[in-house]
């Protein structure tokens, strides 16, 4: 995500607030925390939408797969699924679903049971379930 190597360090939530204060949520220079859960590594972007950037997500998916999930107060979820350097499925819930990407139908078997049907409005919380189901982490 283009992190400055000099800012990478182990910090707990108190240290993050102490160090970054009001800039903890910054659209231009977000703070990103990371961790792992089983075979998956995760990154949580505190502000901004850099994780949705096609270049960033493509690099992260090099040699593997990656899921980017963004939520905002509109309310809207934005879902991107990348495999081997390419965005395979990309959609958001602000309008009726219109998946795009290299293979926009790849996750359809996971999407339909959750109510995520092209040209229909999406149940918001189904997008999180999709991320869990499609990645096998649910």
Protein backbone atom coordinates (compact mmCIF):
# COMPACT_ATOMS: atom_id res chain seq x y z
CA UNK A 1 0.00 0.00 0.00
CA UNK A 2 3.02 2.27 -0.27
CA UNK A 3 3.73 2.43 3.45
CA UNK A 4 6.75 4.42 4.59
CA UNK A 5 9.08 1.74 6.06
CA UNK A 6 10.10 4.17 8.80
CA UNK A 7 6.51 4.19 10.13
CA UNK A 8 6.10 0.41 10.32
CA UNK A 9 6.18 -0.84 13.91
CA UNK A 10 4.29 -2.96 16.40
CA UNK A 11 1.73 -0.76 18.15
CA UNK A 12 -1.35 -1.45 20.22
CA UNK A 13 -4.51 0.65 19.86
CA UNK A 14 -3.45 3.05 22.64
CA UNK A 15 -0.07 3.64 20.97
CA UNK A 16 -1.81 4.29 17.64
CA UNK A 17 -4.05 6.96 19.15
CA UNK A 18 -1.15 8.49 21.11
CA UNK A 19 1.06 8.68 18.03
CA UNK A 20 -1.44 9.62 15.33
CA UNK A 21 -4.20 11.38 17.28
CA UNK A 22 -6.64 13.15 14.96
CA UNK A 23 -4.72 11.95 11.89
CA UNK A 24 -5.52 8.29 12.63
CA UNK A 25 -8.36 8.56 10.11
CA UNK A 26 -6.91 10.42 7.13
CA UNK A 27 -8.12 9.88 3.56
CA UNK A 28 -4.81 11.02 2.05
CA UNK A 29 -2.44 9.10 4.31
CA UNK A 30 -4.34 6.30 6.05
CA UNK A 31 -3.06 4.31 8.98
CA UNK A 32 -3.10 0.59 8.22
CA UNK A 33 -3.00 -2.15 10.84
CA UNK A 34 -2.29 -5.76 9.93
CA UNK A 35 -2.42 -9.21 11.40
CA UNK A 36 -3.04 -12.82 10.52
CA UNK A 37 -5.76 -15.39 11.14
CA UNK A 38 -4.88 -18.94 10.16
CA UNK A 39 -3.62 -18.89 6.58
CA UNK A 40 -5.00 -15.39 5.92
CA UNK A 41 -3.26 -12.07 6.42
CA UNK A 42 -5.48 -9.03 6.87
CA UNK A 43 -5.02 -5.28 6.66
CA UNK A 44 -7.39 -2.73 8.18
CA UNK A 45 -7.22 0.72 6.64
CA UNK A 46 -8.28 3.30 9.21
CA UNK A 47 -9.21 5.96 6.66
CA UNK A 48 -9.30 6.37 2.93
CA UNK A 49 -9.85 3.82 0.20
CA UNK A 50 -6.31 2.92 -0.88
CA UNK A 51 -7.01 -0.79 -0.41
CA UNK A 52 -9.55 -0.61 -3.26
CA UNK A 53 -6.98 0.79 -5.68
CA UNK A 54 -6.59 -1.68 -8.55
CA UNK A 55 -2.79 -1.35 -8.54
CA UNK A 56 -2.53 -1.98 -4.79
CA UNK A 57 -4.95 -4.91 -4.84
CA UNK A 58 -3.30 -6.44 -7.90
CA UNK A 59 0.12 -6.33 -6.20
CA UNK A 60 -1.30 -7.82 -3.00
CA UNK A 61 -2.86 -10.70 -4.95
CA UNK A 62 0.40 -11.57 -6.74
CA UNK A 63 0.82 -15.34 -6.33
CA UNK A 64 -2.37 -15.65 -4.27
CA UNK A 65 -5.83 -14.14 -3.86
CA UNK A 66 -7.04 -11.04 -2.04
CA UNK A 67 -10.37 -9.60 -0.95
CA UNK A 68 -10.91 -5.89 -0.35
CA UNK A 69 -14.03 -4.87 1.53
CA UNK A 70 -14.90 -1.22 2.10
CA UNK A 71 -17.80 0.14 4.13
CA UNK A 72 -18.87 3.75 4.49
CA UNK A 73 -21.70 5.74 6.01
CA UNK A 74 -23.79 6.07 2.80
CA UNK A 75 -24.28 3.05 3.67
CA UNK A 76 -22.38 1.18 1.02
CA UNK A 77 -20.16 -1.85 0.78
CA UNK A 78 -17.59 -2.12 -1.98
CA UNK A 79 -16.24 -5.60 -2.68
CA UNK A 80 -13.22 -6.50 -4.81
CA UNK A 81 -11.80 -9.97 -5.30
CA UNK A 82 -8.40 -10.32 -6.94
CA UNK A 83 -6.46 -13.38 -8.05
CA UNK A 84 -2.94 -13.50 -9.48
CA UNK A 85 -2.56 -9.76 -10.16
CA UNK A 86 -6.05 -9.10 -11.55
CA UNK A 87 -9.42 -7.90 -10.26
CA UNK A 88 -11.77 -10.84 -10.90
CA UNK A 89 -14.99 -9.53 -9.29
CA UNK A 90 -15.76 -5.89 -8.42
CA UNK A 91 -19.06 -4.41 -7.23
CA UNK A 92 -20.58 -1.98 -4.76
CA UNK A 93 -24.01 -1.78 -3.14
CA UNK A 94 -24.81 1.90 -3.73
CA UNK A 95 -26.85 0.93 -6.80
CA UNK A 96 -28.32 -2.38 -8.03
CA UNK A 97 -25.52 -4.93 -8.33
CA UNK A 98 -23.51 -4.80 -11.53
CA UNK A 99 -20.42 -6.97 -11.02
CA UNK A 100 -17.46 -6.20 -13.26
CA UNK A 101 -13.93 -7.57 -13.47
CA UNK A 102 -12.04 -10.23 -15.39
CA UNK A 103 -14.62 -12.90 -14.44
CA UNK A 104 -17.57 -11.11 -12.83
CA UNK A 105 -19.61 -14.33 -12.50
CA UNK A 106 -16.91 -16.35 -10.70
CA UNK A 107 -18.45 -15.94 -7.24
CA UNK A 108 -22.07 -16.24 -8.36
CA UNK A 109 -22.53 -19.59 -6.58
CA UNK A 110 -21.65 -17.83 -3.31
CA UNK A 111 -23.50 -14.58 -4.10
CA UNK A 112 -26.99 -15.80 -5.06
CA UNK A 113 -27.77 -17.64 -1.79
CA UNK A 114 -26.87 -14.40 0.03
CA UNK A 115 -29.28 -12.30 -2.04
CA UNK A 116 -26.48 -10.75 -4.11
CA UNK A 117 -28.14 -10.92 -7.51
CA UNK A 118 -27.16 -8.80 -10.53
CA UNK A 119 -29.50 -5.86 -11.26
CA UNK A 120 -31.08 -6.10 -7.78
CA UNK A 121 -30.41 -4.15 -4.59
CA UNK A 122 -28.04 -5.92 -2.25
CA UNK A 123 -28.71 -6.75 1.38
CA UNK A 124 -25.78 -4.86 2.94
CA UNK A 125 -24.59 -7.45 5.42
CA UNK A 126 -24.52 -10.13 2.73
CA UNK A 127 -21.32 -8.61 1.37
CA UNK A 128 -19.42 -9.45 4.55
CA UNK A 129 -20.83 -12.99 4.41
CA UNK A 130 -19.65 -13.21 0.79
CA UNK A 131 -16.12 -12.27 1.81
CA UNK A 132 -16.19 -15.02 4.44
CA UNK A 133 -17.84 -17.66 2.23
CA UNK A 134 -15.78 -17.05 -0.91
CA UNK A 135 -12.49 -17.05 1.00
CA UNK A 136 -13.31 -20.11 3.08
CA UNK A 137 -12.73 -18.14 6.29
CA UNK A 138 -16.37 -18.12 7.48
